[in-house]
Amino acid sequence: MQQYTYLSARQLSERIPYCARYINEVLRDREFIEGVHYIRPFNGRRVVYLWEPIEELMLGPSQVAQQGIPMVSGGDLPWLA
C-alpha cells in the first residue's frame, strides 16, 4: 500500500502558491480529481488532499510538451531538443 501525506487546504496552501480558499473553490473542481488528488474520509463533507499525486500533477509534463505546438495549416510542430 502506498503511503500518502494527508493535508488540509490550509496546509496545502503552505506548499503551493495558492490560498486555501482558491484551492477549495477552484482547483478542487477544475484540476484535482476526487479519489486521486483528494478524498472525503468516512464519507464526510471534509476534504483531505493527497500531497504526492498533487506534486506529480504539478511537476508532470504539460499538454503542450506532449502534443507539440499546433500549426495553423494543421499538424504539429514537435518540440526541439
PDB file of N, CA and C in Angstrom:
ATOM      1  N   MET A   1       0.837  -1.182   0.000  1.00  0.00           N
ATOM      2  CA  MET A   1       0.000   0.000   0.000  1.00  0.00           C
ATOM      3  C   MET A   1       0.884   1.249   0.000  1.00  0.00           C
ATOM      4  N   GLN A   2       0.546   2.199  -0.844  1.00  0.00           N
ATOM      5  CA  GLN A   2       1.336   3.422  -0.952  1.00  0.00           C
ATOM      6  C   GLN A   2       1.051   4.358   0.219  1.00  0.00           C
ATOM      7  N   GLN A   3       2.107   4.986   0.724  1.00  0.00           N
ATOM      8  CA  GLN A   3       1.970   5.948   1.807  1.00  0.00           C
ATOM      9  C   GLN A   3       1.693   7.335   1.232  1.00  0.00           C
ATOM     10  N   TYR A   4       0.733   8.037   1.784  1.00  0.00           N
ATOM     11  CA  TYR A   4       0.382   9.382   1.338  1.00  0.00           C
ATOM     12  C   TYR A   4       0.559  10.376   2.475  1.00  0.00           C
ATOM     13  N   THR A   5       0.823  11.607   2.105  1.00  0.00           N
ATOM     14  CA  THR A   5       0.844  12.703   3.050  1.00  0.00           C
ATOM     15  C   THR A   5      -0.504  13.399   2.936  1.00  0.00           C
ATOM     16  N   TYR A   6      -1.285  13.382   4.016  1.00  0.00           N
ATOM     17  CA  TYR A   6      -2.627  13.963   4.021  1.00  0.00           C
ATOM     18  C   TYR A   6      -2.541  15.408   4.497  1.00  0.00           C
ATOM     19  N   LEU A   7      -3.172  16.316   3.735  1.00  0.00           N
ATOM     20  CA  LEU A   7      -3.106  17.734   4.048  1.00  0.00           C
ATOM     21  C   LEU A   7      -4.484  18.384   3.992  1.00  0.00           C
ATOM     22  N   SER A   8      -4.693  19.365   4.846  1.00  0.00           N
ATOM     23  CA  SER A   8      -5.879  20.211   4.726  1.00  0.00           C
ATOM     24  C   SER A   8      -5.580  21.252   3.640  1.00  0.00           C
ATOM     25  N   ALA A   9      -6.587  22.008   3.246  1.00  0.00           N
ATOM     26  CA  ALA A   9      -6.377  23.060   2.244  1.00  0.00           C
ATOM     27  C   ALA A   9      -5.381  24.094   2.758  1.00  0.00           C
ATOM     28  N   ARG A  10      -5.453  24.413   4.046  1.00  0.00           N
ATOM     29  CA  ARG A  10      -4.524  25.379   4.624  1.00  0.00           C
ATOM     30  C   ARG A  10      -3.092  24.855   4.570  1.00  0.00           C
ATOM     31  N   GLN A  11      -2.897  23.596   4.915  1.00  0.00           N
ATOM     32  CA  GLN A  11      -1.560  23.011   4.872  1.00  0.00           C
ATOM     33  C   GLN A  11      -1.047  22.930   3.434  1.00  0.00           C
ATOM     34  N   LEU A  12      -1.939  22.599   2.500  1.00  0.00           N
ATOM     35  CA  LEU A  12      -1.542  22.540   1.094  1.00  0.00           C
ATOM     36  C   LEU A  12      -1.150  23.923   0.591  1.00  0.00           C
ATOM     37  N   SER A  13      -1.848  24.953   1.055  1.00  0.00           N
ATOM     38  CA  SER A  13      -1.535  26.321   0.619  1.00  0.00           C
ATOM     39  C   SER A  13      -0.149  26.763   1.086  1.00  0.00           C
ATOM     40  N   GLU A  14       0.388  26.132   2.102  1.00  0.00           N
ATOM     41  CA  GLU A  14       1.745  26.434   2.558  1.00  0.00           C
ATOM     42  C   GLU A  14       2.800  25.802   1.649  1.00  0.00           C
ATOM     43  N   ARG A  15       2.392  24.820   0.857  1.00  0.00           N
ATOM     44  CA  ARG A  15       3.330  24.127  -0.036  1.00  0.00           C
ATOM     45  C   ARG A  15       3.257  24.611  -1.474  1.00  0.00           C
ATOM     46  N   ILE A  16       2.104  25.119  -1.889  1.00  0.00           N
ATOM     47  CA  ILE A  16       1.945  25.612  -3.252  1.00  0.00           C
ATOM     48  C   ILE A  16       1.495  27.076  -3.187  1.00  0.00           C
ATOM     49  N   PRO A  17       1.727  27.851  -4.239  1.00  0.00           N
ATOM     50  CA  PRO A  17       1.440  29.291  -4.175  1.00  0.00           C
ATOM     51  C   PRO A  17      -0.024  29.665  -4.419  1.00  0.00           C
ATOM     52  N   TYR A  18      -0.931  29.023  -3.718  1.00  0.00           N
ATOM     53  CA  TYR A  18      -2.357  29.336  -3.809  1.00  0.00           C
ATOM     54  C   TYR A  18      -2.932  29.368  -2.397  1.00  0.00           C
ATOM     55  N   CYS A  19      -3.898  30.250  -2.175  1.00  0.00           N
ATOM     56  CA  CYS A  19      -4.519  30.316  -0.856  1.00  0.00           C
ATOM     57  C   CYS A  19      -5.503  29.158  -0.689  1.00  0.00           C
ATOM     58  N   ALA A  20      -5.834  28.853   0.549  1.00  0.00           N
ATOM     59  CA  ALA A  20      -6.712  27.721   0.857  1.00  0.00           C
ATOM     60  C   ALA A  20      -8.076  27.870   0.201  1.00  0.00           C
ATOM     61  N   ARG A  21      -8.602  29.079   0.182  1.00  0.00           N
ATOM     62  CA  ARG A  21      -9.914  29.311  -0.431  1.00  0.00           C
ATOM     63  C   ARG A  21      -9.889  28.997  -1.924  1.00  0.00           C
ATOM     64  N   TYR A  22      -8.844  29.428  -2.634  1.00  0.00           N
ATOM     65  CA  TYR A  22      -8.710  29.143  -4.061  1.00  0.00           C
ATOM     66  C   TYR A  22      -8.577  27.637  -4.302  1.00  0.00           C
ATOM     67  N   ILE A  23      -7.840  26.968  -3.455  1.00  0.00           N
ATOM     68  CA  ILE A  23      -7.684  25.509  -3.571  1.00  0.00           C
ATOM     69  C   ILE A  23      -9.047  24.840  -3.459  1.00  0.00           C
ATOM     70  N   ASN A  24      -9.832  25.210  -2.451  1.00  0.00           N
ATOM     71  CA  ASN A  24     -11.134  24.578  -2.229  1.00  0.00           C
ATOM     72  C   ASN A  24     -12.176  24.945  -3.285  1.00  0.00           C
ATOM     73  N   GLU A  25     -12.155  26.182  -3.755  1.00  0.00           N
ATOM     74  CA  GLU A  25     -13.219  26.637  -4.651  1.00  0.00           C
ATOM     75  C   GLU A  25     -12.899  26.480  -6.133  1.00  0.00           C
ATOM     76  N   VAL A  26     -11.628  26.501  -6.499  1.00  0.00           N
ATOM     77  CA  VAL A  26     -11.284  26.458  -7.917  1.00  0.00           C
ATOM     78  C   VAL A  26     -10.511  25.196  -8.285  1.00  0.00           C
ATOM     79  N   LEU A  27      -9.356  24.982  -7.661  1.00  0.00           N
ATOM     80  CA  LEU A  27      -8.527  23.841  -8.037  1.00  0.00           C
ATOM     81  C   LEU A  27      -9.225  22.516  -7.798  1.00  0.00           C
ATOM     82  N   ARG A  28      -9.948  22.394  -6.700  1.00  0.00           N
ATOM     83  CA  ARG A  28     -10.619  21.129  -6.392  1.00  0.00           C
ATOM     84  C   ARG A  28     -11.624  20.768  -7.476  1.00  0.00           C
ATOM     85  N   ASP A  29     -12.293  21.757  -8.049  1.00  0.00           N
ATOM     86  CA  ASP A  29     -13.303  21.476  -9.066  1.00  0.00           C
ATOM     87  C   ASP A  29     -12.745  21.386 -10.480  1.00  0.00           C
ATOM     88  N   ARG A  30     -11.618  22.028 -10.743  1.00  0.00           N
ATOM     89  CA  ARG A  30     -11.085  22.087 -12.110  1.00  0.00           C
ATOM     90  C   ARG A  30      -9.889  21.179 -12.361  1.00  0.00           C
ATOM     91  N   GLU A  31      -8.979  21.101 -11.418  1.00  0.00           N
ATOM     92  CA  GLU A  31      -7.720  20.387 -11.635  1.00  0.00           C
ATOM     93  C   GLU A  31      -7.621  19.060 -10.887  1.00  0.00           C
ATOM     94  N   PHE A  32      -8.122  19.038  -9.687  1.00  0.00           N
ATOM     95  CA  PHE A  32      -7.972  17.857  -8.850  1.00  0.00           C
ATOM     96  C   PHE A  32      -9.132  16.893  -9.065  1.00  0.00           C
ATOM     97  N   ILE A  33      -8.833  15.613  -9.011  1.00  0.00           N
ATOM     98  CA  ILE A  33      -9.821  14.563  -9.209  1.00  0.00           C
ATOM     99  C   ILE A  33     -10.054  13.862  -7.878  1.00  0.00           C
ATOM    100  N   GLU A  34     -11.324  13.735  -7.506  1.00  0.00           N
ATOM    101  CA  GLU A  34     -11.649  13.048  -6.256  1.00  0.00           C
ATOM    102  C   GLU A  34     -11.222  11.595  -6.365  1.00  0.00           C
ATOM    103  N   GLY A  35     -10.580  11.096  -5.337  1.00  0.00           N
ATOM    104  CA  GLY A  35     -10.069   9.735  -5.332  1.00  0.00           C
ATOM    105  C   GLY A  35      -8.639   9.638  -5.817  1.00  0.00           C
ATOM    106  N   VAL A  36      -8.163  10.689  -6.485  1.00  0.00           N
ATOM    107  CA  VAL A  36      -6.778  10.721  -6.954  1.00  0.00           C
ATOM    108  C   VAL A  36      -6.000  11.792  -6.193  1.00  0.00           C
ATOM    109  N   HIS A  37      -6.497  13.021  -6.232  1.00  0.00           N
ATOM    110  CA  HIS A  37      -5.811  14.149  -5.600  1.00  0.00           C
ATOM    111  C   HIS A  37      -6.403  14.515  -4.244  1.00  0.00           C
ATOM    112  N   TYR A  38      -7.618  14.121  -3.999  1.00  0.00           N
ATOM    113  CA  TYR A  38      -8.229  14.370  -2.691  1.00  0.00           C
ATOM    114  C   TYR A  38      -9.267  13.304  -2.387  1.00  0.00           C
ATOM    115  N   ILE A  39      -9.558  13.144  -1.101  1.00  0.00           N
ATOM    116  CA  ILE A  39     -10.554  12.176  -0.653  1.00  0.00           C
ATOM    117  C   ILE A  39     -11.470  12.827   0.372  1.00  0.00           C
ATOM    118  N   ARG A  40     -12.583  12.178   0.603  1.00  0.00           N
ATOM    119  CA  ARG A  40     -13.513  12.577   1.659  1.00  0.00           C
ATOM    120  C   ARG A  40     -13.589  11.384   2.625  1.00  0.00           C
ATOM    121  N   PRO A  41     -12.731  11.381   3.660  1.00  0.00           N
ATOM    122  CA  PRO A  41     -12.697  10.225   4.554  1.00  0.00           C
ATOM    123  C   PRO A  41     -14.019  10.001   5.282  1.00  0.00           C
ATOM    124  N   PHE A  42     -14.335   8.758   5.467  1.00  0.00           N
ATOM    125  CA  PHE A  42     -15.519   8.334   6.214  1.00  0.00           C
ATOM    126  C   PHE A  42     -16.808   8.883   5.599  1.00  0.00           C
ATOM    127  N   ASN A  43     -16.804   9.087   4.259  1.00  0.00           N
ATOM    128  CA  ASN A  43     -17.968   9.599   3.526  1.00  0.00           C
ATOM    129  C   ASN A  43     -18.473  10.922   4.088  1.00  0.00           C
ATOM    130  N   GLY A  44     -17.560  11.736   4.569  1.00  0.00           N
ATOM    131  CA  GLY A  44     -17.930  13.011   5.179  1.00  0.00           C
ATOM    132  C   GLY A  44     -17.849  14.172   4.219  1.00  0.00           C
ATOM    133  N   ARG A  45     -18.060  15.349   4.744  1.00  0.00           N
ATOM    134  CA  ARG A  45     -18.000  16.570   3.951  1.00  0.00           C
ATOM    135  C   ARG A  45     -16.584  17.112   3.858  1.00  0.00           C
ATOM    136  N   ARG A  46     -15.768  16.799   4.849  1.00  0.00           N
ATOM    137  CA  ARG A  46     -14.406  17.324   4.909  1.00  0.00           C
ATOM    138  C   ARG A  46     -13.545  16.732   3.797  1.00  0.00           C
ATOM    139  N   VAL A  47     -12.707  17.564   3.196  1.00  0.00           N
ATOM    140  CA  VAL A  47     -11.828  17.141   2.113  1.00  0.00           C
ATOM    141  C   VAL A  47     -10.404  17.073   2.637  1.00  0.00           C
ATOM    142  N   VAL A  48      -9.702  16.001   2.288  1.00  0.00           N
ATOM    143  CA  VAL A  48      -8.299  15.826   2.635  1.00  0.00           C
ATOM    144  C   VAL A  48      -7.527  15.657   1.328  1.00  0.00           C
ATOM    145  N   TYR A  49      -6.501  16.481   1.142  1.00  0.00           N
ATOM    146  CA  TYR A  49      -5.706  16.461  -0.080  1.00  0.00           C
ATOM    147  C   TYR A  49      -4.532  15.500   0.067  1.00  0.00           C
ATOM    148  N   LEU A  50      -4.176  14.846  -1.026  1.00  0.00           N
ATOM    149  CA  LEU A  50      -3.070  13.892  -1.060  1.00  0.00           C
ATOM    150  C   LEU A  50      -1.879  14.569  -1.739  1.00  0.00           C
ATOM    151  N   TRP A  51      -0.817  14.805  -0.994  1.00  0.00           N
ATOM    152  CA  TRP A  51       0.302  15.592  -1.493  1.00  0.00           C
ATOM    153  C   TRP A  51       1.016  14.941  -2.673  1.00  0.00           C
ATOM    154  N   GLU A  52       1.328  13.675  -2.626  1.00  0.00           N
ATOM    155  CA  GLU A  52       2.137  13.032  -3.665  1.00  0.00           C
ATOM    156  C   GLU A  52       1.485  13.114  -5.057  1.00  0.00           C
ATOM    157  N   PRO A  53       0.199  12.787  -5.214  1.00  0.00           N
ATOM    158  CA  PRO A  53      -0.412  12.937  -6.547  1.00  0.00           C
ATOM    159  C   PRO A  53      -0.499  14.402  -7.008  1.00  0.00           C
ATOM    160  N   ILE A  54      -0.688  15.329  -6.077  1.00  0.00           N
ATOM    161  CA  ILE A  54      -0.742  16.748  -6.443  1.00  0.00           C
ATOM    162  C   ILE A  54       0.630  17.209  -6.906  1.00  0.00           C
ATOM    163  N   GLU A  55       1.674  16.796  -6.198  1.00  0.00           N
ATOM    164  CA  GLU A  55       3.034  17.156  -6.605  1.00  0.00           C
ATOM    165  C   GLU A  55       3.346  16.568  -7.981  1.00  0.00           C
ATOM    166  N   GLU A  56       2.941  15.339  -8.225  1.00  0.00           N
ATOM    167  CA  GLU A  56       3.155  14.702  -9.519  1.00  0.00           C
ATOM    168  C   GLU A  56       2.425  15.456 -10.625  1.00  0.00           C
ATOM    169  N   LEU A  57       1.199  15.892 -10.349  1.00  0.00           N
ATOM    170  CA  LEU A  57       0.428  16.677 -11.315  1.00  0.00           C
ATOM    171  C   LEU A  57       1.137  17.989 -11.631  1.00  0.00           C
ATOM    172  N   MET A  58       1.656  18.655 -10.609  1.00  0.00           N
ATOM    173  CA  MET A  58       2.327  19.938 -10.802  1.00  0.00           C
ATOM    174  C   MET A  58       3.642  19.791 -11.572  1.00  0.00           C
ATOM    175  N   LEU A  59       4.375  18.716 -11.337  1.00  0.00           N
ATOM    176  CA  LEU A  59       5.686  18.532 -11.949  1.00  0.00           C
ATOM    177  C   LEU A  59       5.645  17.781 -13.267  1.00  0.00           C
ATOM    178  N   GLY A  60       4.481  17.204 -13.594  1.00  0.00           N
ATOM    179  CA  GLY A  60       4.350  16.407 -14.804  1.00  0.00           C
ATOM    180  C   GLY A  60       4.478  17.239 -16.067  1.00  0.00           C
ATOM    181  N   PRO A  61       4.660  16.571 -17.191  1.00  0.00           N
ATOM    182  CA  PRO A  61       4.793  17.292 -18.459  1.00  0.00           C
ATOM    183  C   PRO A  61       3.496  18.010 -18.818  1.00  0.00           C
ATOM    184  N   SER A  62       3.624  19.146 -19.443  1.00  0.00           N
ATOM    185  CA  SER A  62       2.438  19.914 -19.839  1.00  0.00           C
ATOM    186  C   SER A  62       1.809  19.314 -21.086  1.00  0.00           C
ATOM    187  N   GLN A  63       0.583  19.690 -21.353  1.00  0.00           N
ATOM    188  CA  GLN A  63      -0.124  19.215 -22.541  1.00  0.00           C
ATOM    189  C   GLN A  63       0.603  19.657 -23.806  1.00  0.00           C
ATOM    190  N   VAL A  64       1.138  20.868 -23.820  1.00  0.00           N
ATOM    191  CA  VAL A  64       1.842  21.363 -24.995  1.00  0.00           C
ATOM    192  C   VAL A  64       3.075  20.515 -25.272  1.00  0.00           C
ATOM    193  N   ALA A  65       3.801  20.155 -24.230  1.00  0.00           N
ATOM    194  CA  ALA A  65       5.006  19.350 -24.404  1.00  0.00           C
ATOM    195  C   ALA A  65       4.666  17.967 -24.933  1.00  0.00           C
ATOM    196  N   GLN A  66       3.522  17.428 -24.565  1.00  0.00           N
ATOM    197  CA  GLN A  66       3.129  16.103 -25.026  1.00  0.00           C
ATOM    198  C   GLN A  66       2.652  16.132 -26.472  1.00  0.00           C
ATOM    199  N   GLN A  67       1.972  17.181 -26.863  1.00  0.00           N
ATOM    200  CA  GLN A  67       1.336  17.220 -28.173  1.00  0.00           C
ATOM    201  C   GLN A  67       2.113  18.001 -29.209  1.00  0.00           C
ATOM    202  N   GLY A  68       3.040  18.827 -28.829  1.00  0.00           N
ATOM    203  CA  GLY A  68       3.703  19.711 -29.766  1.00  0.00           C
ATOM    204  C   GLY A  68       2.912  21.005 -29.884  1.00  0.00           C
ATOM    205  N   ILE A  69       3.352  21.881 -30.760  1.00  0.00           N
ATOM    206  CA  ILE A  69       2.684  23.162 -30.954  1.00  0.00           C
ATOM    207  C   ILE A  69       1.781  23.058 -32.176  1.00  0.00           C
ATOM    208  N   PRO A  70       0.470  23.291 -32.033  1.00  0.00           N
ATOM    209  CA  PRO A  70      -0.423  23.191 -33.195  1.00  0.00           C
ATOM    210  C   PRO A  70      -0.140  24.306 -34.197  1.00  0.00           C
ATOM    211  N   MET A  71      -0.143  23.959 -35.468  1.00  0.00           N
ATOM    212  CA  MET A  71       0.121  24.913 -36.532  1.00  0.00           C
ATOM    213  C   MET A  71      -1.189  25.292 -37.225  1.00  0.00           C
ATOM    214  N   VAL A  72      -1.235  26.478 -37.815  1.00  0.00           N
ATOM    215  CA  VAL A  72      -2.432  26.961 -38.493  1.00  0.00           C
ATOM    216  C   VAL A  72      -2.816  26.044 -39.639  1.00  0.00           C
ATOM    217  N   SER A  73      -1.832  25.522 -40.350  1.00  0.00           N
ATOM    218  CA  SER A  73      -2.093  24.678 -41.513  1.00  0.00           C
ATOM    219  C   SER A  73      -2.447  23.236 -41.139  1.00  0.00           C
ATOM    220  N   GLY A  74      -2.564  22.966 -39.854  1.00  0.00           N
ATOM    221  CA  GLY A  74      -2.804  21.601 -39.381  1.00  0.00           C
ATOM    222  C   GLY A  74      -1.496  21.019 -38.897  1.00  0.00           C
ATOM    223  N   GLY A  75      -1.500  19.836 -38.385  1.00  0.00           N
ATOM    224  CA  GLY A  75      -0.267  19.207 -37.923  1.00  0.00           C
ATOM    225  C   GLY A  75       0.311  19.892 -36.687  1.00  0.00           C
ATOM    226  N   ASP A  76       1.410  19.367 -36.213  1.00  0.00           N
ATOM    227  CA  ASP A  76       2.058  19.883 -35.022  1.00  0.00           C
ATOM    228  C   ASP A  76       3.527  20.137 -35.304  1.00  0.00           C
ATOM    229  N   LEU A  77       4.059  21.136 -34.645  1.00  0.00           N
ATOM    230  CA  LEU A  77       5.486  21.400 -34.670  1.00  0.00           C
ATOM    231  C   LEU A  77       6.070  20.754 -33.433  1.00  0.00           C
ATOM    232  N   PRO A  78       6.862  19.672 -33.584  1.00  0.00           N
ATOM    233  CA  PRO A  78       7.400  18.999 -32.381  1.00  0.00           C
ATOM    234  C   PRO A  78       8.396  19.891 -31.674  1.00  0.00           C
ATOM    235  N   TRP A  79       8.512  19.660 -30.367  1.00  0.00           N
ATOM    236  CA  TRP A  79       9.485  20.413 -29.566  1.00  0.00           C
ATOM    237  C   TRP A  79      10.877  20.065 -30.011  1.00  0.00           C
ATOM    238  N   LEU A  80      11.730  21.037 -30.082  1.00  0.00           N
ATOM    239  CA  LEU A  80      13.131  20.812 -30.454  1.00  0.00           C
ATOM    240  C   LEU A  80      13.923  20.525 -29.201  1.00  0.00           C
ATOM    241  N   ALA A  81      14.780  19.523 -29.261  1.00  0.00           N
ATOM    242  CA  ALA A  81      15.573  19.149 -28.085  1.00  0.00           C
ATOM    243  C   ALA A  81      16.802  19.991 -27.965  1.00  0.00           C
TER     244      ALA A  81
END
